Amino acid sequence: MMTFKFEYIWTDGYRPLPHIRSKVMVRQQEAFDGKVESLPEWGFDGSSTKQAEGHSSDCILKPVRIYPDPTRDHTYLVLCEVFNADHTAHRTNNRAKIVAADEGDFWWGFEQEYVLMTDDGRPLGFPSGGFPEPQGPYYCALGYHNVAGREIVEEHMDACIAAGVGISGTNSEVMLGQWEFQVFGKGTKRACDDLLMARYLLYRISEKFKCVVELEPKPIKGDWNGSGMHSNFSTSHTRDEGGEDYITALAAGFADYHQEHLAVYGAHNEQRLTGQHETASMDQFKFGVSDRGASIRIPLYTVEHDWKGYLEDRRPASNADPYQVANRIMKTVTEVHAKIAK
């Protein structure tokens, strides 16, 4: 018999910013086939996570995806959906709300920005009681005075690769102590699952370094860039057929749904979407080619490939729920595509 550990991972009911939670199950068995279907459902106290009342507190964890744990032997990371005691999807289970039959047709590239903070609420690299030189030299930077926290970022990237998370890159960002990693995935649920697991690994690794991973979209006020979760998306139609008329009409069509998108694009996003610091204004929708001040950016890659490729929604905040973001984008693309096809 062997001893296996399975860490069940889910998101809680805190609002406006849910937390990632986890608990470990230890099992003695001859072997494990690595299949999520081989794992049992498990319960937890929903009254402690704002997902149930104390008088009826049991919630159910249903495994939906599994990753090998890169830091522990015979251990697996088990991403779960939350269900009520009657086995209906919990109101906080945004993954279960993705019901589009063609969700597998969507490809995603999420750009997760974040800030590494000290216990006193200052980004790594900021001098005590003051500020560093104005932003400019920190983006994709090198050197002791221009970057802070690289050892955390490197360990996180290696952990994601070892776990099979679809991480596709990382770089330091515009503000000192601010970083970004990118996750690419074919299929909506897969891509969102990988992003959530990448966040989990980042939180866990940061514990060792005694620093705080901050997903607040504007953690430092003033003339400093905020943090977003830029969401790049494509369908078989944008990738294989495209065309200037279609791509521009698709981008323009998002204007009719601007408020619906902002409603699920993260908390405190109005502090970030000001029309400055590489953002569009919260109050105005616009799209453009290679325009990082646009709501929807048409990348140069798409233009140079005969208008075939992907688009980027630059509005989601760094703390946004990827399942809600992707679900809203899918709905808009589907509706706008139908209008264009008429």
C-alpha atoms as a PDB file:
ATOM      1  CA  MET A   1       0.000   0.000   0.000  1.00  0.00           C
ATOM      2  CA  MET A   2       1.114   3.545  -0.724  1.00  0.00           C
ATOM      3  CA  THR A   3       0.173   6.800   0.940  1.00  0.00           C
ATOM      4  CA  PHE A   4      -1.215   9.498  -1.367  1.00  0.00           C
ATOM      5  CA  LYS A   5      -2.169  13.081  -0.564  1.00  0.00           C
ATOM      6  CA  PHE A   6      -4.890  14.878  -2.479  1.00  0.00           C
ATOM      7  CA  GLU A   7      -5.257  18.615  -1.889  1.00  0.00           C
ATOM      8  CA  TYR A   8      -8.815  19.660  -2.751  1.00  0.00           C
ATOM      9  CA  ILE A   9      -8.925  23.288  -3.957  1.00  0.00           C
ATOM     10  CA  TRP A  10     -11.924  25.576  -4.433  1.00  0.00           C
ATOM     11  CA  THR A  11     -13.017  29.224  -4.298  1.00  0.00           C
ATOM     12  CA  ASP A  12     -15.092  30.499  -1.383  1.00  0.00           C
ATOM     13  CA  GLY A  13     -18.069  32.825  -1.043  1.00  0.00           C
ATOM     14  CA  TYR A  14     -16.342  35.996   0.105  1.00  0.00           C
ATOM     15  CA  ARG A  15     -17.321  39.101  -1.830  1.00  0.00           C
ATOM     16  CA  PRO A  16     -16.292  41.164  -3.611  1.00  0.00           C
ATOM     17  CA  LEU A  17     -13.035  39.179  -3.575  1.00  0.00           C
ATOM     18  CA  PRO A  18     -13.328  35.393  -3.184  1.00  0.00           C
ATOM     19  CA  HIS A  19     -10.414  33.479  -1.719  1.00  0.00           C
ATOM     20  CA  ILE A  20      -8.876  30.205  -2.791  1.00  0.00           C
ATOM     21  CA  ARG A  21      -9.313  27.491  -0.143  1.00  0.00           C
ATOM     22  CA  SER A  22      -7.836  24.011   0.211  1.00  0.00           C
ATOM     23  CA  LYS A  23      -7.745  20.946   2.451  1.00  0.00           C
ATOM     24  CA  VAL A  24      -5.821  17.687   2.185  1.00  0.00           C
ATOM     25  CA  MET A  25      -7.154  14.148   2.028  1.00  0.00           C
ATOM     26  CA  VAL A  26      -4.744  11.281   2.833  1.00  0.00           C
ATOM     27  CA  ARG A  27      -5.532   7.898   1.265  1.00  0.00           C
ATOM     28  CA  GLN A  28      -3.879   4.510   1.512  1.00  0.00           C
ATOM     29  CA  GLN A  29      -4.140   2.561  -1.738  1.00  0.00           C
ATOM     30  CA  GLU A  30      -2.111   0.296  -3.998  1.00  0.00           C
ATOM     31  CA  ALA A  31      -1.806   2.875  -6.756  1.00  0.00           C
ATOM     32  CA  PHE A  32      -3.449   5.936  -8.268  1.00  0.00           C
ATOM     33  CA  ASP A  33      -4.281   6.116 -11.962  1.00  0.00           C
ATOM     34  CA  GLY A  34      -4.098   9.911 -12.105  1.00  0.00           C
ATOM     35  CA  LYS A  35      -7.721  10.259 -13.223  1.00  0.00           C
ATOM     36  CA  VAL A  36      -9.993  12.799 -11.611  1.00  0.00           C
ATOM     37  CA  GLU A  37     -12.874  10.349 -11.971  1.00  0.00           C
ATOM     38  CA  SER A  38     -11.133   8.044  -9.483  1.00  0.00           C
ATOM     39  CA  LEU A  39     -11.424  10.576  -6.653  1.00  0.00           C
ATOM     40  CA  PRO A  40     -14.393  10.820  -4.298  1.00  0.00           C
ATOM     41  CA  GLU A  41     -16.480  13.850  -3.543  1.00  0.00           C
ATOM     42  CA  TRP A  42     -15.711  15.470  -0.200  1.00  0.00           C
ATOM     43  CA  GLY A  43     -17.472  17.838   2.170  1.00  0.00           C
ATOM     44  CA  PHE A  44     -16.520  21.016   3.984  1.00  0.00           C
ATOM     45  CA  ASP A  45     -17.976  23.535   6.416  1.00  0.00           C
ATOM     46  CA  GLY A  46     -19.563  26.137   4.197  1.00  0.00           C
ATOM     47  CA  SER A  47     -20.432  28.341   7.174  1.00  0.00           C
ATOM     48  CA  SER A  48     -16.712  29.091   7.548  1.00  0.00           C
ATOM     49  CA  THR A  49     -16.324  30.149   3.904  1.00  0.00           C
ATOM     50  CA  LYS A  50     -19.508  32.237   3.507  1.00  0.00           C
ATOM     51  CA  GLN A  51     -21.084  29.471   1.429  1.00  0.00           C
ATOM     52  CA  ALA A  52     -23.656  28.159   3.917  1.00  0.00           C
ATOM     53  CA  GLU A  53     -25.418  28.933   7.200  1.00  0.00           C
ATOM     54  CA  GLY A  54     -24.295  27.300  10.414  1.00  0.00           C
ATOM     55  CA  HIS A  55     -27.551  25.425  10.889  1.00  0.00           C
ATOM     56  CA  SER A  56     -27.041  23.662   7.531  1.00  0.00           C
ATOM     57  CA  SER A  57     -23.391  24.059   6.738  1.00  0.00           C
ATOM     58  CA  ASP A  58     -22.360  21.061   4.628  1.00  0.00           C
ATOM     59  CA  CYS A  59     -21.165  21.789   1.099  1.00  0.00           C
ATOM     60  CA  ILE A  60     -19.773  19.297  -1.400  1.00  0.00           C
ATOM     61  CA  LEU A  61     -16.488  19.387  -3.295  1.00  0.00           C
ATOM     62  CA  LYS A  62     -16.644  17.667  -6.673  1.00  0.00           C
ATOM     63  CA  PRO A  63     -13.244  17.057  -8.331  1.00  0.00           C
ATOM     64  CA  VAL A  64     -13.126  18.385 -11.888  1.00  0.00           C
ATOM     65  CA  ARG A  65      -9.410  18.533 -12.767  1.00  0.00           C
ATOM     66  CA  ILE A  66      -6.252  17.113 -11.287  1.00  0.00           C
ATOM     67  CA  TYR A  67      -2.598  18.217 -11.406  1.00  0.00           C
ATOM     68  CA  PRO A  68       0.521  16.531 -10.019  1.00  0.00           C
ATOM     69  CA  ASP A  69       1.920  18.529  -7.117  1.00  0.00           C
ATOM     70  CA  PRO A  70       5.434  19.643  -8.166  1.00  0.00           C
ATOM     71  CA  THR A  71       6.586  20.198  -4.571  1.00  0.00           C
ATOM     72  CA  ARG A  72       5.507  17.017  -2.752  1.00  0.00           C
ATOM     73  CA  ASP A  73       5.865  13.302  -3.496  1.00  0.00           C
ATOM     74  CA  HIS A  74       2.751  11.210  -4.131  1.00  0.00           C
ATOM     75  CA  THR A  75       0.616  14.354  -3.940  1.00  0.00           C
ATOM     76  CA  TYR A  76      -1.986  15.738  -6.327  1.00  0.00           C
ATOM     77  CA  LEU A  77      -3.727  19.108  -6.586  1.00  0.00           C
ATOM     78  CA  VAL A  78      -7.436  18.590  -7.109  1.00  0.00           C
ATOM     79  CA  LEU A  79      -9.464  21.479  -8.497  1.00  0.00           C
ATOM     80  CA  CYS A  80     -13.080  21.237  -7.355  1.00  0.00           C
ATOM     81  CA  GLU A  81     -16.485  22.721  -8.023  1.00  0.00           C
ATOM     82  CA  VAL A  82     -18.721  23.493  -5.044  1.00  0.00           C
ATOM     83  CA  PHE A  83     -22.184  21.935  -4.798  1.00  0.00           C
ATOM     84  CA  ASN A  84     -24.987  22.251  -2.284  1.00  0.00           C
ATOM     85  CA  ALA A  85     -25.991  19.358  -0.059  1.00  0.00           C
ATOM     86  CA  ASP A  86     -28.719  18.443  -2.587  1.00  0.00           C
ATOM     87  CA  HIS A  87     -26.047  18.168  -5.319  1.00  0.00           C
ATOM     88  CA  THR A  88     -27.141  21.289  -7.181  1.00  0.00           C
ATOM     89  CA  ALA A  89     -24.415  23.738  -8.211  1.00  0.00           C
ATOM     90  CA  HIS A  90     -23.648  26.285  -5.505  1.00  0.00           C
ATOM     91  CA  ARG A  91     -24.360  29.938  -6.306  1.00  0.00           C
ATOM     92  CA  THR A  92     -20.589  30.637  -6.103  1.00  0.00           C
ATOM     93  CA  ASN A  93     -19.804  27.881  -8.624  1.00  0.00           C
ATOM     94  CA  ASN A  94     -19.114  30.031 -11.667  1.00  0.00           C
ATOM     95  CA  ARG A  95     -17.401  27.195 -13.500  1.00  0.00           C
ATOM     96  CA  ALA A  96     -20.697  25.294 -13.647  1.00  0.00           C
ATOM     97  CA  LYS A  97     -22.316  28.312 -15.333  1.00  0.00           C
ATOM     98  CA  ILE A  98     -20.203  27.797 -18.446  1.00  0.00           C
ATOM     99  CA  VAL A  99     -22.679  25.833 -20.507  1.00  0.00           C
ATOM    100  CA  ALA A 100     -21.900  26.936 -24.039  1.00  0.00           C
ATOM    101  CA  ALA A 101     -21.796  23.861 -26.254  1.00  0.00           C
ATOM    102  CA  ASP A 102     -18.909  25.369 -28.219  1.00  0.00           C
ATOM    103  CA  GLU A 103     -16.734  26.341 -25.237  1.00  0.00           C
ATOM    104  CA  GLY A 104     -14.058  24.031 -26.614  1.00  0.00           C
ATOM    105  CA  ASP A 105     -13.890  26.165 -29.763  1.00  0.00           C
ATOM    106  CA  PHE A 106     -12.562  29.112 -27.776  1.00  0.00           C
ATOM    107  CA  TRP A 107      -8.837  29.534 -27.191  1.00  0.00           C
ATOM    108  CA  TRP A 108      -7.678  31.803 -24.376  1.00  0.00           C
ATOM    109  CA  GLY A 109      -4.570  33.653 -23.352  1.00  0.00           C
ATOM    110  CA  PHE A 110      -4.869  35.234 -19.904  1.00  0.00           C
ATOM    111  CA  GLU A 111      -2.310  37.833 -18.818  1.00  0.00           C
ATOM    112  CA  GLN A 112      -2.349  37.785 -15.011  1.00  0.00           C
ATOM    113  CA  GLU A 113      -0.755  40.857 -13.465  1.00  0.00           C
ATOM    114  CA  TYR A 114      -0.084  41.045  -9.728  1.00  0.00           C
ATOM    115  CA  VAL A 115       2.054  42.855  -7.188  1.00  0.00           C
ATOM    116  CA  LEU A 116       4.334  41.241  -4.608  1.00  0.00           C
ATOM    117  CA  MET A 117       3.937  43.116  -1.326  1.00  0.00           C
ATOM    118  CA  THR A 118       5.650  43.211   2.049  1.00  0.00           C
ATOM    119  CA  ASP A 119       3.739  42.849   5.321  1.00  0.00           C
ATOM    120  CA  ASP A 120       3.518  46.626   5.659  1.00  0.00           C
ATOM    121  CA  GLY A 121       1.562  46.923   2.410  1.00  0.00           C
ATOM    122  CA  ARG A 122       4.343  48.183   0.150  1.00  0.00           C
ATOM    123  CA  PRO A 123       5.462  46.558  -3.098  1.00  0.00           C
ATOM    124  CA  LEU A 124       8.733  44.667  -2.986  1.00  0.00           C
ATOM    125  CA  GLY A 125      11.565  47.036  -3.897  1.00  0.00           C
ATOM    126  CA  PHE A 126       9.833  50.181  -2.616  1.00  0.00           C
ATOM    127  CA  PRO A 127      12.058  51.925  -0.045  1.00  0.00           C
ATOM    128  CA  SER A 128      10.656  52.141   3.468  1.00  0.00           C
ATOM    129  CA  GLY A 129       8.615  55.303   3.876  1.00  0.00           C
ATOM    130  CA  GLY A 130       9.176  56.486   0.330  1.00  0.00           C
ATOM    131  CA  PHE A 131       8.957  55.683  -3.350  1.00  0.00           C
ATOM    132  CA  PRO A 132      11.412  54.476  -5.980  1.00  0.00           C
ATOM    133  CA  GLU A 133      12.198  56.367  -9.141  1.00  0.00           C
ATOM    134  CA  PRO A 134       9.131  56.930 -11.362  1.00  0.00           C
ATOM    135  CA  GLN A 135       8.007  53.977 -13.438  1.00  0.00           C
ATOM    136  CA  GLY A 136       9.726  53.499 -16.760  1.00  0.00           C
ATOM    137  CA  PRO A 137      12.776  51.294 -16.210  1.00  0.00           C
ATOM    138  CA  TYR A 138      10.945  48.400 -14.513  1.00  0.00           C
ATOM    139  CA  TYR A 139       9.072  46.774 -17.404  1.00  0.00           C
ATOM    140  CA  CYS A 140      10.864  43.589 -18.578  1.00  0.00           C
ATOM    141  CA  ALA A 141      13.813  44.909 -16.579  1.00  0.00           C
ATOM    142  CA  LEU A 142      17.111  43.544 -15.341  1.00  0.00           C
ATOM    143  CA  GLY A 143      19.269  44.529 -12.402  1.00  0.00           C
ATOM    144  CA  TYR A 144      18.963  44.800  -8.632  1.00  0.00           C
ATOM    145  CA  HIS A 145      17.495  48.315  -8.637  1.00  0.00           C
ATOM    146  CA  ASN A 146      14.930  47.560 -11.328  1.00  0.00           C
ATOM    147  CA  VAL A 147      13.362  44.246 -10.263  1.00  0.00           C
ATOM    148  CA  ALA A 148      12.189  42.728  -7.000  1.00  0.00           C
ATOM    149  CA  GLY A 149      10.944  39.220  -6.343  1.00  0.00           C
ATOM    150  CA  ARG A 150      12.416  37.399  -9.320  1.00  0.00           C
ATOM    151  CA  GLU A 151      13.232  34.319  -7.202  1.00  0.00           C
ATOM    152  CA  ILE A 152       9.519  33.946  -6.411  1.00  0.00           C
ATOM    153  CA  VAL A 153       8.523  34.392 -10.041  1.00  0.00           C
ATOM    154  CA  GLU A 154      11.044  31.831 -11.288  1.00  0.00           C
ATOM    155  CA  GLU A 155      10.010  29.232  -8.721  1.00  0.00           C
ATOM    156  CA  HIS A 156       6.368  29.810  -9.588  1.00  0.00           C
ATOM    157  CA  MET A 157       6.971  29.385 -13.306  1.00  0.00           C
ATOM    158  CA  ASP A 158       8.887  26.145 -12.766  1.00  0.00           C
ATOM    159  CA  ALA A 159       6.136  24.817 -10.480  1.00  0.00           C
ATOM    160  CA  CYS A 160       3.458  25.586 -13.071  1.00  0.00           C
ATOM    161  CA  ILE A 161       5.422  23.814 -15.802  1.00  0.00           C
ATOM    162  CA  ALA A 162       5.988  20.769 -13.599  1.00  0.00           C
ATOM    163  CA  ALA A 163       2.301  20.641 -12.661  1.00  0.00           C
ATOM    164  CA  GLY A 164       1.149  20.752 -16.281  1.00  0.00           C
ATOM    165  CA  VAL A 165      -0.393  24.215 -15.975  1.00  0.00           C
ATOM    166  CA  GLY A 166      -0.443  25.946 -19.356  1.00  0.00           C
ATOM    167  CA  ILE A 167       1.852  28.805 -18.371  1.00  0.00           C
ATOM    168  CA  SER A 168       3.318  30.390 -21.484  1.00  0.00           C
ATOM    169  CA  GLY A 169       5.500  33.168 -20.145  1.00  0.00           C
ATOM    170  CA  THR A 170       6.271  35.740 -17.470  1.00  0.00           C
ATOM    171  CA  ASN A 171       7.780  39.207 -17.189  1.00  0.00           C
ATOM    172  CA  SER A 172       8.275  42.062 -14.780  1.00  0.00           C
ATOM    173  CA  GLU A 173       5.708  44.825 -15.236  1.00  0.00           C
ATOM    174  CA  VAL A 174       5.605  48.609 -15.355  1.00  0.00           C
ATOM    175  CA  MET A 175       5.604  49.204 -11.583  1.00  0.00           C
ATOM    176  CA  LEU A 176       8.457  47.978  -9.403  1.00  0.00           C
ATOM    177  CA  GLY A 177       7.366  44.788  -7.626  1.00  0.00           C
ATOM    178  CA  GLN A 178       4.669  44.156 -10.232  1.00  0.00           C
ATOM    179  CA  TRP A 179       4.809  41.023 -12.371  1.00  0.00           C
ATOM    180  CA  GLU A 180       2.771  39.145 -14.937  1.00  0.00           C
ATOM    181  CA  PHE A 181       2.424  35.552 -16.019  1.00  0.00           C
ATOM    182  CA  GLN A 182       0.527  34.302 -19.040  1.00  0.00           C
ATOM    183  CA  VAL A 183      -1.631  31.196 -19.292  1.00  0.00           C
ATOM    184  CA  PHE A 184      -2.736  29.756 -22.632  1.00  0.00           C
ATOM    185  CA  GLY A 185      -5.399  27.110 -23.079  1.00  0.00           C
ATOM    186  CA  LYS A 186      -7.591  25.576 -25.744  1.00  0.00           C
ATOM    187  CA  GLY A 187     -11.103  25.275 -24.348  1.00  0.00           C
ATOM    188  CA  THR A 188     -12.648  27.663 -21.849  1.00  0.00           C
ATOM    189  CA  LYS A 189     -12.808  25.452 -18.780  1.00  0.00           C
ATOM    190  CA  ARG A 190      -9.283  24.172 -19.281  1.00  0.00           C
ATOM    191  CA  ALA A 191      -7.823  27.662 -19.638  1.00  0.00           C
ATOM    192  CA  CYS A 192      -9.700  29.029 -16.629  1.00  0.00           C
ATOM    193  CA  ASP A 193      -8.775  25.982 -14.542  1.00  0.00           C
ATOM    194  CA  ASP A 194      -5.114  26.491 -15.356  1.00  0.00           C
ATOM    195  CA  LEU A 195      -5.262  30.167 -14.412  1.00  0.00           C
ATOM    196  CA  LEU A 196      -6.864  29.360 -11.077  1.00  0.00           C
ATOM    197  CA  MET A 197      -4.269  26.661 -10.388  1.00  0.00           C
ATOM    198  CA  ALA A 198      -1.472  29.087 -11.322  1.00  0.00           C
ATOM    199  CA  ARG A 199      -2.864  31.548  -8.787  1.00  0.00           C
ATOM    200  CA  TYR A 200      -2.988  28.800  -6.161  1.00  0.00           C
ATOM    201  CA  LEU A 201       0.651  27.870  -6.755  1.00  0.00           C
ATOM    202  CA  LEU A 202       1.708  31.509  -6.588  1.00  0.00           C
ATOM    203  CA  TYR A 203      -0.056  31.980  -3.245  1.00  0.00           C
ATOM    204  CA  ARG A 204       1.495  28.845  -1.815  1.00  0.00           C
ATOM    205  CA  ILE A 205       5.027  29.662  -2.974  1.00  0.00           C
ATOM    206  CA  SER A 206       4.726  33.207  -1.609  1.00  0.00           C
ATOM    207  CA  GLU A 207       4.186  31.768   1.876  1.00  0.00           C
ATOM    208  CA  LYS A 208       7.755  30.480   1.874  1.00  0.00           C
ATOM    209  CA  PHE A 209       9.108  33.917   1.008  1.00  0.00           C
ATOM    210  CA  LYS A 210       6.850  35.668   3.544  1.00  0.00           C
ATOM    211  CA  CYS A 211       5.392  38.065   1.013  1.00  0.00           C
ATOM    212  CA  VAL A 212       1.854  38.910  -0.067  1.00  0.00           C
ATOM    213  CA  VAL A 213       0.446  38.333  -3.553  1.00  0.00           C
ATOM    214  CA  GLU A 214      -1.798  41.334  -4.214  1.00  0.00           C
ATOM    215  CA  LEU A 215      -4.458  41.092  -6.924  1.00  0.00           C
ATOM    216  CA  GLU A 216      -6.011  44.459  -6.140  1.00  0.00           C
ATOM    217  CA  PRO A 217      -6.275  46.317  -9.491  1.00  0.00           C
ATOM    218  CA  LYS A 218      -4.832  49.590  -8.122  1.00  0.00           C
ATOM    219  CA  PRO A 219      -2.778  48.753  -5.026  1.00  0.00           C
ATOM    220  CA  ILE A 220      -0.653  51.914  -5.188  1.00  0.00           C
ATOM    221  CA  LYS A 221      -2.522  55.108  -5.959  1.00  0.00           C
ATOM    222  CA  GLY A 222      -1.047  57.874  -8.053  1.00  0.00           C
ATOM    223  CA  ASP A 223       1.124  57.733 -11.144  1.00  0.00           C
ATOM    224  CA  TRP A 224       1.598  53.960 -11.096  1.00  0.00           C
ATOM    225  CA  ASN A 225       0.128  51.338 -13.388  1.00  0.00           C
ATOM    226  CA  GLY A 226      -2.647  49.168 -12.026  1.00  0.00           C
ATOM    227  CA  SER A 227      -2.967  45.421 -12.515  1.00  0.00           C
ATOM    228  CA  GLY A 228      -5.232  43.719 -15.012  1.00  0.00           C
ATOM    229  CA  MET A 229      -6.084  40.293 -16.325  1.00  0.00           C
ATOM    230  CA  HIS A 230      -6.041  40.997 -20.046  1.00  0.00           C
ATOM    231  CA  SER A 231      -8.036  38.281 -21.786  1.00  0.00           C
ATOM    232  CA  ASN A 232      -7.036  37.236 -25.291  1.00  0.00           C
ATOM    233  CA  PHE A 233      -9.576  35.100 -27.118  1.00  0.00           C
ATOM    234  CA  SER A 234     -10.228  33.502 -30.470  1.00  0.00           C
ATOM    235  CA  THR A 235     -12.638  31.125 -32.167  1.00  0.00           C
ATOM    236  CA  SER A 236     -12.209  28.886 -35.170  1.00  0.00           C
ATOM    237  CA  HIS A 237     -13.897  31.645 -37.202  1.00  0.00           C
ATOM    238  CA  THR A 238     -11.461  34.379 -36.118  1.00  0.00           C
ATOM    239  CA  ARG A 239      -8.506  32.001 -36.546  1.00  0.00           C
ATOM    240  CA  ASP A 240      -9.405  30.388 -39.876  1.00  0.00           C
ATOM    241  CA  GLU A 241     -11.644  32.893 -41.692  1.00  0.00           C
ATOM    242  CA  GLY A 242     -11.385  36.287 -40.047  1.00  0.00           C
ATOM    243  CA  GLY A 243     -11.218  39.215 -42.425  1.00  0.00           C
ATOM    244  CA  GLU A 244     -10.933  42.923 -41.676  1.00  0.00           C
ATOM    245  CA  ASP A 245     -14.664  43.540 -41.914  1.00  0.00           C
ATOM    246  CA  TYR A 246     -15.480  40.660 -39.588  1.00  0.00           C
ATOM    247  CA  ILE A 247     -12.794  41.366 -36.984  1.00  0.00           C
ATOM    248  CA  THR A 248     -13.590  45.077 -36.749  1.00  0.00           C
ATOM    249  CA  ALA A 249     -17.341  44.378 -36.601  1.00  0.00           C
ATOM    250  CA  LEU A 250     -16.770  41.830 -33.830  1.00  0.00           C
ATOM    251  CA  ALA A 251     -14.672  44.274 -31.821  1.00  0.00           C
ATOM    252  CA  ALA A 252     -17.161  47.098 -32.343  1.00  0.00           C
ATOM    253  CA  GLY A 253     -20.027  44.832 -31.325  1.00  0.00           C
ATOM    254  CA  PHE A 254     -18.705  44.608 -27.773  1.00  0.00           C
ATOM    255  CA  ALA A 255     -19.816  48.228 -27.238  1.00  0.00           C
ATOM    256  CA  ASP A 256     -23.448  47.185 -26.779  1.00  0.00           C
ATOM    257  CA  TYR A 257     -22.482  44.974 -23.840  1.00  0.00           C
ATOM    258  CA  HIS A 258     -19.958  47.243 -22.129  1.00  0.00           C
ATOM    259  CA  GLN A 259     -21.747  47.502 -18.776  1.00  0.00           C
ATOM    260  CA  GLU A 260     -22.521  43.766 -18.653  1.00  0.00           C
ATOM    261  CA  HIS A 261     -18.819  43.065 -19.012  1.00  0.00           C
ATOM    262  CA  LEU A 262     -17.716  45.580 -16.395  1.00  0.00           C
ATOM    263  CA  ALA A 263     -20.191  44.062 -13.933  1.00  0.00           C
ATOM    264  CA  VAL A 264     -18.188  40.807 -13.833  1.00  0.00           C
ATOM    265  CA  TYR A 265     -14.689  42.119 -14.525  1.00  0.00           C
ATOM    266  CA  GLY A 266     -13.502  42.395 -10.935  1.00  0.00           C
ATOM    267  CA  ALA A 267     -13.815  44.566  -7.850  1.00  0.00           C
ATOM    268  CA  HIS A 268     -12.515  48.151  -7.601  1.00  0.00           C
ATOM    269  CA  ASN A 269     -11.808  48.173 -11.325  1.00  0.00           C
ATOM    270  CA  GLU A 270     -12.967  51.790 -11.579  1.00  0.00           C
ATOM    271  CA  GLN A 271      -9.723  52.786  -9.833  1.00  0.00           C
ATOM    272  CA  ARG A 272      -7.764  51.224 -12.692  1.00  0.00           C
ATOM    273  CA  LEU A 273      -9.884  51.979 -15.781  1.00  0.00           C
ATOM    274  CA  THR A 274      -9.304  55.712 -15.865  1.00  0.00           C
ATOM    275  CA  GLY A 275      -8.154  56.229 -19.439  1.00  0.00           C
ATOM    276  CA  GLN A 276      -4.576  56.531 -18.201  1.00  0.00           C
ATOM    277  CA  HIS A 277      -1.776  54.056 -17.506  1.00  0.00           C
ATOM    278  CA  GLU A 278      -2.525  51.921 -20.566  1.00  0.00           C
ATOM    279  CA  THR A 279      -6.255  51.585 -19.888  1.00  0.00           C
ATOM    280  CA  ALA A 280      -9.480  52.733 -21.475  1.00  0.00           C
ATOM    281  CA  SER A 281     -11.905  54.795 -19.432  1.00  0.00           C
ATOM    282  CA  MET A 282     -14.544  52.944 -17.442  1.00  0.00           C
ATOM    283  CA  ASP A 283     -17.137  55.257 -18.982  1.00  0.00           C
ATOM    284  CA  GLN A 284     -16.194  54.892 -22.638  1.00  0.00           C
ATOM    285  CA  PHE A 285     -15.861  51.865 -24.897  1.00  0.00           C
ATOM    286  CA  LYS A 286     -13.424  51.949 -27.766  1.00  0.00           C
ATOM    287  CA  PHE A 287     -11.467  49.498 -29.884  1.00  0.00           C
ATOM    288  CA  GLY A 288      -8.398  49.877 -32.024  1.00  0.00           C
ATOM    289  CA  VAL A 289      -5.487  48.173 -33.695  1.00  0.00           C
ATOM    290  CA  SER A 290      -2.455  47.815 -31.402  1.00  0.00           C
ATOM    291  CA  ASP A 291      -4.046  50.313 -28.993  1.00  0.00           C
ATOM    292  CA  ARG A 292      -3.307  49.545 -25.334  1.00  0.00           C
ATOM    293  CA  GLY A 293      -5.612  52.365 -24.355  1.00  0.00           C
ATOM    294  CA  ALA A 294      -8.559  50.583 -25.942  1.00  0.00           C
ATOM    295  CA  SER A 295     -11.217  48.410 -24.338  1.00  0.00           C
ATOM    296  CA  ILE A 296     -10.788  45.805 -27.088  1.00  0.00           C
ATOM    297  CA  ARG A 297      -7.415  45.719 -28.795  1.00  0.00           C
ATOM    298  CA  ILE A 298      -6.925  44.147 -32.210  1.00  0.00           C
ATOM    299  CA  PRO A 299      -3.348  42.844 -32.018  1.00  0.00           C
ATOM    300  CA  LEU A 300      -0.863  43.535 -34.772  1.00  0.00           C
ATOM    301  CA  TYR A 301      -0.458  39.754 -35.098  1.00  0.00           C
ATOM    302  CA  THR A 302      -4.064  39.456 -36.302  1.00  0.00           C
ATOM    303  CA  VAL A 303      -3.714  42.294 -38.796  1.00  0.00           C
ATOM    304  CA  GLU A 304      -0.466  40.926 -40.220  1.00  0.00           C
ATOM    305  CA  HIS A 305      -1.966  37.441 -40.639  1.00  0.00           C
ATOM    306  CA  ASP A 306      -4.630  38.562 -43.099  1.00  0.00           C
ATOM    307  CA  TRP A 307      -6.884  39.639 -40.224  1.00  0.00           C
ATOM    308  CA  LYS A 308      -6.985  36.108 -38.829  1.00  0.00           C
ATOM    309  CA  GLY A 309      -6.153  35.487 -35.203  1.00  0.00           C
ATOM    310  CA  TYR A 310      -7.378  36.773 -31.865  1.00  0.00           C
ATOM    311  CA  LEU A 311      -8.606  39.847 -29.995  1.00  0.00           C
ATOM    312  CA  GLU A 312      -7.726  41.168 -26.545  1.00  0.00           C
ATOM    313  CA  ASP A 313     -10.162  42.428 -23.926  1.00  0.00           C
ATOM    314  CA  ARG A 314      -8.080  44.750 -21.741  1.00  0.00           C
ATOM    315  CA  ARG A 315     -10.823  45.607 -19.243  1.00  0.00           C
ATOM    316  CA  PRO A 316     -10.764  42.694 -16.743  1.00  0.00           C
ATOM    317  CA  ALA A 317      -9.128  43.517 -13.417  1.00  0.00           C
ATOM    318  CA  SER A 318      -6.370  41.405 -11.927  1.00  0.00           C
ATOM    319  CA  ASN A 319      -8.780  40.040  -9.311  1.00  0.00           C
ATOM    320  CA  ALA A 320     -11.464  39.020 -11.811  1.00  0.00           C
ATOM    321  CA  ASP A 321     -12.941  35.525 -11.811  1.00  0.00           C
ATOM    322  CA  PRO A 322     -11.727  33.944 -15.075  1.00  0.00           C
ATOM    323  CA  TYR A 323     -14.867  31.797 -15.383  1.00  0.00           C
ATOM    324  CA  GLN A 324     -17.118  34.870 -15.245  1.00  0.00           C
ATOM    325  CA  VAL A 325     -14.914  36.816 -17.641  1.00  0.00           C
ATOM    326  CA  ALA A 326     -14.742  33.999 -20.174  1.00  0.00           C
ATOM    327  CA  ASN A 327     -18.444  33.231 -19.929  1.00  0.00           C
ATOM    328  CA  ARG A 328     -19.355  36.866 -20.606  1.00  0.00           C
ATOM    329  CA  ILE A 329     -16.959  37.112 -23.550  1.00  0.00           C
ATOM    330  CA  MET A 330     -18.355  33.891 -25.033  1.00  0.00           C
ATOM    331  CA  LYS A 331     -21.910  35.214 -24.761  1.00  0.00           C
ATOM    332  CA  THR A 332     -20.987  38.476 -26.458  1.00  0.00           C
ATOM    333  CA  VAL A 333     -19.001  36.799 -29.233  1.00  0.00           C
ATOM    334  CA  THR A 334     -21.849  34.398 -29.922  1.00  0.00           C
ATOM    335  CA  GLU A 335     -24.448  37.180 -30.094  1.00  0.00           C
ATOM    336  CA  VAL A 336     -22.330  39.580 -32.136  1.00  0.00           C
ATOM    337  CA  HIS A 337     -21.299  36.789 -34.524  1.00  0.00           C
ATOM    338  CA  ALA A 338     -24.981  36.003 -35.129  1.00  0.00           C
ATOM    339  CA  LYS A 339     -25.676  39.664 -35.936  1.00  0.00           C
ATOM    340  CA  ILE A 340     -22.759  39.892 -38.343  1.00  0.00           C
ATOM    341  CA  ALA A 341     -23.771  36.668 -40.093  1.00  0.00           C
ATOM    342  CA  LYS A 342     -27.253  37.995 -40.922  1.00  0.00           C
END
